[in-house]
Amino acid sequence: MTQMNGCDDFCGCLSDYLDGEMDEKCRRIIEEHLESCDTCSTMYETLKTTVLACAQGLPAEIPEDVREGLRTYLRTHCKKECV
């Protein structure tokens, strides 16, 4: 996958990116997007924190700014009133 059109495409690839399961070209595209998009960067940091916490078997406290960024993203993109 070398063509990505928008944040939905990037968010769909974050797990593969985190796991190192993509070629160098895709990796660079993801990294460039993460540098310029606060929303996807927040999603990535949240995913990374979650994966790390699960791997360690320890509860992790999500920083308030990350938590609020995730809430904002979900409210905007999922259109659920109870997020």
N, C-alpha and C. Protein backbone atom coordinates (compact mmCIF):
# COMPACT_ATOMS: atom_id res chain seq x y z
N MET A 1 0.84 -1.17 0.00
CA MET A 1 0.00 0.00 0.00
C MET A 1 0.89 1.24 0.00
N THR A 2 0.95 1.95 -1.13
CA THR A 2 1.73 3.17 -1.20
C THR A 2 0.86 4.39 -1.40
N GLN A 3 -0.41 4.21 -1.66
CA GLN A 3 -1.35 5.31 -1.84
C GLN A 3 -2.24 5.41 -0.61
N MET A 4 -2.17 6.52 0.10
CA MET A 4 -3.02 6.72 1.26
C MET A 4 -3.73 8.05 1.11
N ASN A 5 -5.03 8.03 1.28
CA ASN A 5 -5.84 9.23 1.08
C ASN A 5 -6.59 9.59 2.35
N GLY A 6 -5.94 10.30 3.23
CA GLY A 6 -6.62 10.78 4.42
C GLY A 6 -6.32 9.98 5.67
N CYS A 7 -6.82 10.52 6.76
CA CYS A 7 -6.53 9.95 8.08
C CYS A 7 -7.09 8.55 8.26
N ASP A 8 -8.23 8.24 7.65
CA ASP A 8 -8.78 6.89 7.80
C ASP A 8 -7.81 5.84 7.30
N ASP A 9 -7.16 6.10 6.16
CA ASP A 9 -6.17 5.16 5.63
C ASP A 9 -4.99 5.01 6.59
N PHE A 10 -4.53 6.14 7.15
CA PHE A 10 -3.40 6.10 8.06
C PHE A 10 -3.75 5.37 9.35
N CYS A 11 -4.90 5.67 9.90
CA CYS A 11 -5.31 5.00 11.14
C CYS A 11 -5.46 3.50 10.94
N GLY A 12 -5.89 3.11 9.76
CA GLY A 12 -6.03 1.69 9.45
C GLY A 12 -4.69 0.97 9.37
N CYS A 13 -3.61 1.72 9.21
CA CYS A 13 -2.28 1.13 9.06
C CYS A 13 -1.44 1.20 10.34
N LEU A 14 -1.94 1.87 11.35
CA LEU A 14 -1.11 2.11 12.54
C LEU A 14 -0.67 0.84 13.24
N SER A 15 -1.52 -0.16 13.27
CA SER A 15 -1.14 -1.41 13.92
C SER A 15 0.01 -2.09 13.18
N ASP A 16 -0.10 -2.14 11.85
CA ASP A 16 1.00 -2.71 11.06
C ASP A 16 2.28 -1.89 11.22
N TYR A 17 2.14 -0.58 11.28
CA TYR A 17 3.30 0.29 11.48
C TYR A 17 3.95 -0.01 12.83
N LEU A 18 3.16 -0.08 13.86
CA LEU A 18 3.66 -0.36 15.21
C LEU A 18 4.35 -1.72 15.28
N ASP A 19 3.80 -2.70 14.57
CA ASP A 19 4.36 -4.05 14.57
C ASP A 19 5.54 -4.20 13.62
N GLY A 20 5.86 -3.15 12.84
CA GLY A 20 6.97 -3.21 11.89
C GLY A 20 6.68 -4.10 10.70
N GLU A 21 5.40 -4.20 10.34
CA GLU A 21 4.98 -5.10 9.27
C GLU A 21 4.65 -4.36 7.98
N MET A 22 5.53 -3.45 7.56
CA MET A 22 5.33 -2.77 6.29
C MET A 22 6.68 -2.42 5.70
N ASP A 23 6.69 -2.22 4.38
CA ASP A 23 7.96 -1.90 3.73
C ASP A 23 8.40 -0.48 4.07
N GLU A 24 9.64 -0.18 3.74
CA GLU A 24 10.25 1.10 4.12
C GLU A 24 9.52 2.29 3.52
N LYS A 25 9.05 2.17 2.28
CA LYS A 25 8.34 3.27 1.64
C LYS A 25 7.06 3.62 2.39
N CYS A 26 6.27 2.61 2.74
CA CYS A 26 5.04 2.84 3.50
C CYS A 26 5.35 3.40 4.87
N ARG A 27 6.41 2.90 5.47
CA ARG A 27 6.82 3.37 6.79
C ARG A 27 7.13 4.87 6.76
N ARG A 28 7.84 5.31 5.71
CA ARG A 28 8.18 6.73 5.58
C ARG A 28 6.93 7.58 5.38
N ILE A 29 5.99 7.07 4.59
CA ILE A 29 4.74 7.80 4.35
C ILE A 29 3.98 7.97 5.67
N ILE A 30 3.91 6.90 6.46
CA ILE A 30 3.24 6.96 7.76
C ILE A 30 3.95 7.97 8.67
N GLU A 31 5.26 7.91 8.74
CA GLU A 31 6.02 8.79 9.62
C GLU A 31 5.85 10.26 9.23
N GLU A 32 5.84 10.55 7.93
CA GLU A 32 5.61 11.92 7.48
C GLU A 32 4.22 12.41 7.89
N HIS A 33 3.24 11.52 7.76
CA HIS A 33 1.88 11.91 8.14
C HIS A 33 1.79 12.12 9.65
N LEU A 34 2.39 11.23 10.42
CA LEU A 34 2.34 11.37 11.88
C LEU A 34 2.99 12.67 12.35
N GLU A 35 4.02 13.13 11.65
CA GLU A 35 4.68 14.38 12.00
C GLU A 35 3.79 15.59 11.74
N SER A 36 2.89 15.48 10.78
CA SER A 36 2.09 16.64 10.40
C SER A 36 0.64 16.58 10.87
N CYS A 37 0.20 15.46 11.43
CA CYS A 37 -1.20 15.31 11.82
C CYS A 37 -1.31 14.97 13.31
N ASP A 38 -1.77 15.94 14.08
CA ASP A 38 -1.90 15.73 15.53
C ASP A 38 -2.91 14.63 15.86
N THR A 39 -3.97 14.54 15.07
CA THR A 39 -5.01 13.55 15.34
C THR A 39 -4.46 12.13 15.19
N CYS A 40 -3.80 11.85 14.08
CA CYS A 40 -3.25 10.51 13.86
C CYS A 40 -2.10 10.23 14.82
N SER A 41 -1.33 11.26 15.15
CA SER A 41 -0.25 11.10 16.11
C SER A 41 -0.81 10.70 17.47
N THR A 42 -1.91 11.32 17.87
CA THR A 42 -2.58 10.96 19.13
C THR A 42 -3.08 9.52 19.09
N MET A 43 -3.70 9.16 17.97
CA MET A 43 -4.19 7.78 17.82
C MET A 43 -3.02 6.79 17.91
N TYR A 44 -1.91 7.10 17.26
CA TYR A 44 -0.75 6.23 17.29
C TYR A 44 -0.19 6.10 18.71
N GLU A 45 -0.03 7.22 19.41
CA GLU A 45 0.50 7.18 20.77
C GLU A 45 -0.42 6.39 21.70
N THR A 46 -1.72 6.53 21.51
CA THR A 46 -2.69 5.78 22.30
C THR A 46 -2.58 4.29 22.03
N LEU A 47 -2.49 3.93 20.75
CA LEU A 47 -2.34 2.52 20.38
C LEU A 47 -1.04 1.95 20.93
N LYS A 48 0.04 2.71 20.80
CA LYS A 48 1.34 2.25 21.30
C LYS A 48 1.29 2.03 22.81
N THR A 49 0.67 2.96 23.55
CA THR A 49 0.54 2.84 25.00
C THR A 49 -0.29 1.60 25.37
N THR A 50 -1.37 1.39 24.64
CA THR A 50 -2.24 0.25 24.90
C THR A 50 -1.52 -1.07 24.66
N VAL A 51 -0.81 -1.16 23.54
CA VAL A 51 -0.06 -2.38 23.22
C VAL A 51 1.00 -2.65 24.27
N LEU A 52 1.70 -1.60 24.68
CA LEU A 52 2.74 -1.75 25.70
C LEU A 52 2.15 -2.21 27.03
N ALA A 53 1.03 -1.62 27.42
CA ALA A 53 0.38 -2.00 28.68
C ALA A 53 -0.09 -3.45 28.64
N CYS A 54 -0.63 -3.87 27.52
CA CYS A 54 -1.09 -5.26 27.39
C CYS A 54 0.09 -6.22 27.43
N ALA A 55 1.17 -5.86 26.77
CA ALA A 55 2.35 -6.72 26.73
C ALA A 55 2.95 -6.88 28.12
N GLN A 56 2.90 -5.82 28.91
CA GLN A 56 3.47 -5.86 30.26
C GLN A 56 2.48 -6.38 31.29
N GLY A 57 1.23 -6.43 30.92
CA GLY A 57 0.22 -6.90 31.85
C GLY A 57 -0.04 -5.94 32.99
N LEU A 58 0.31 -4.69 32.79
CA LEU A 58 0.14 -3.68 33.83
C LEU A 58 -0.89 -2.65 33.39
N PRO A 59 -1.66 -2.13 34.34
CA PRO A 59 -2.57 -1.05 33.97
C PRO A 59 -1.76 0.20 33.62
N ALA A 60 -2.18 0.91 32.59
CA ALA A 60 -1.48 2.13 32.19
C ALA A 60 -2.43 3.32 32.28
N GLU A 61 -1.94 4.38 32.80
CA GLU A 61 -2.72 5.61 32.87
C GLU A 61 -2.46 6.40 31.59
N ILE A 62 -3.52 6.71 30.89
CA ILE A 62 -3.40 7.49 29.67
C ILE A 62 -3.29 8.95 30.07
N PRO A 63 -2.27 9.65 29.58
CA PRO A 63 -2.15 11.08 29.91
C PRO A 63 -3.41 11.83 29.50
N GLU A 64 -3.77 12.83 30.28
CA GLU A 64 -5.02 13.56 30.04
C GLU A 64 -5.08 14.19 28.66
N ASP A 65 -3.96 14.72 28.15
CA ASP A 65 -3.99 15.34 26.82
C ASP A 65 -4.23 14.30 25.74
N VAL A 66 -3.68 13.09 25.91
CA VAL A 66 -3.92 12.00 24.96
C VAL A 66 -5.37 11.55 25.05
N ARG A 67 -5.87 11.40 26.25
CA ARG A 67 -7.25 10.99 26.47
C ARG A 67 -8.22 11.99 25.83
N GLU A 68 -7.98 13.28 26.03
CA GLU A 68 -8.86 14.31 25.46
C GLU A 68 -8.75 14.34 23.94
N GLY A 69 -7.54 14.15 23.42
CA GLY A 69 -7.36 14.10 21.97
C GLY A 69 -8.11 12.94 21.36
N LEU A 70 -8.09 11.81 22.02
CA LEU A 70 -8.82 10.63 21.54
C LEU A 70 -10.32 10.87 21.60
N ARG A 71 -10.80 11.45 22.68
CA ARG A 71 -12.23 11.77 22.79
C ARG A 71 -12.67 12.71 21.66
N THR A 72 -11.87 13.72 21.42
CA THR A 72 -12.19 14.68 20.36
C THR A 72 -12.24 13.99 19.01
N TYR A 73 -11.25 13.15 18.75
CA TYR A 73 -11.22 12.43 17.48
C TYR A 73 -12.45 11.54 17.33
N LEU A 74 -12.77 10.80 18.37
CA LEU A 74 -13.92 9.90 18.31
C LEU A 74 -15.22 10.66 18.14
N ARG A 75 -15.36 11.78 18.83
CA ARG A 75 -16.57 12.59 18.67
C ARG A 75 -16.70 13.09 17.25
N THR A 76 -15.62 13.50 16.66
CA THR A 76 -15.64 14.05 15.32
C THR A 76 -15.87 12.98 14.26
N HIS A 77 -15.20 11.84 14.40
CA HIS A 77 -15.22 10.83 13.36
C HIS A 77 -16.25 9.74 13.57
N CYS A 78 -16.66 9.49 14.78
CA CYS A 78 -17.62 8.42 15.05
C CYS A 78 -19.02 8.97 15.29
N LYS A 79 -19.13 10.25 15.55
CA LYS A 79 -20.41 10.93 15.73
C LYS A 79 -21.30 10.26 16.78
N LYS A 80 -20.69 9.84 17.88
CA LYS A 80 -21.44 9.28 19.00
C LYS A 80 -21.49 10.33 20.09
N GLU A 81 -22.64 10.53 20.64
CA GLU A 81 -22.81 11.56 21.67
C GLU A 81 -22.30 11.14 23.02
N CYS A 82 -22.10 9.87 23.25
CA CYS A 82 -21.73 9.41 24.59
C CYS A 82 -20.25 9.14 24.75
N VAL A 83 -19.41 9.56 23.82
CA VAL A 83 -17.97 9.33 23.93
C VAL A 83 -17.38 10.31 24.89
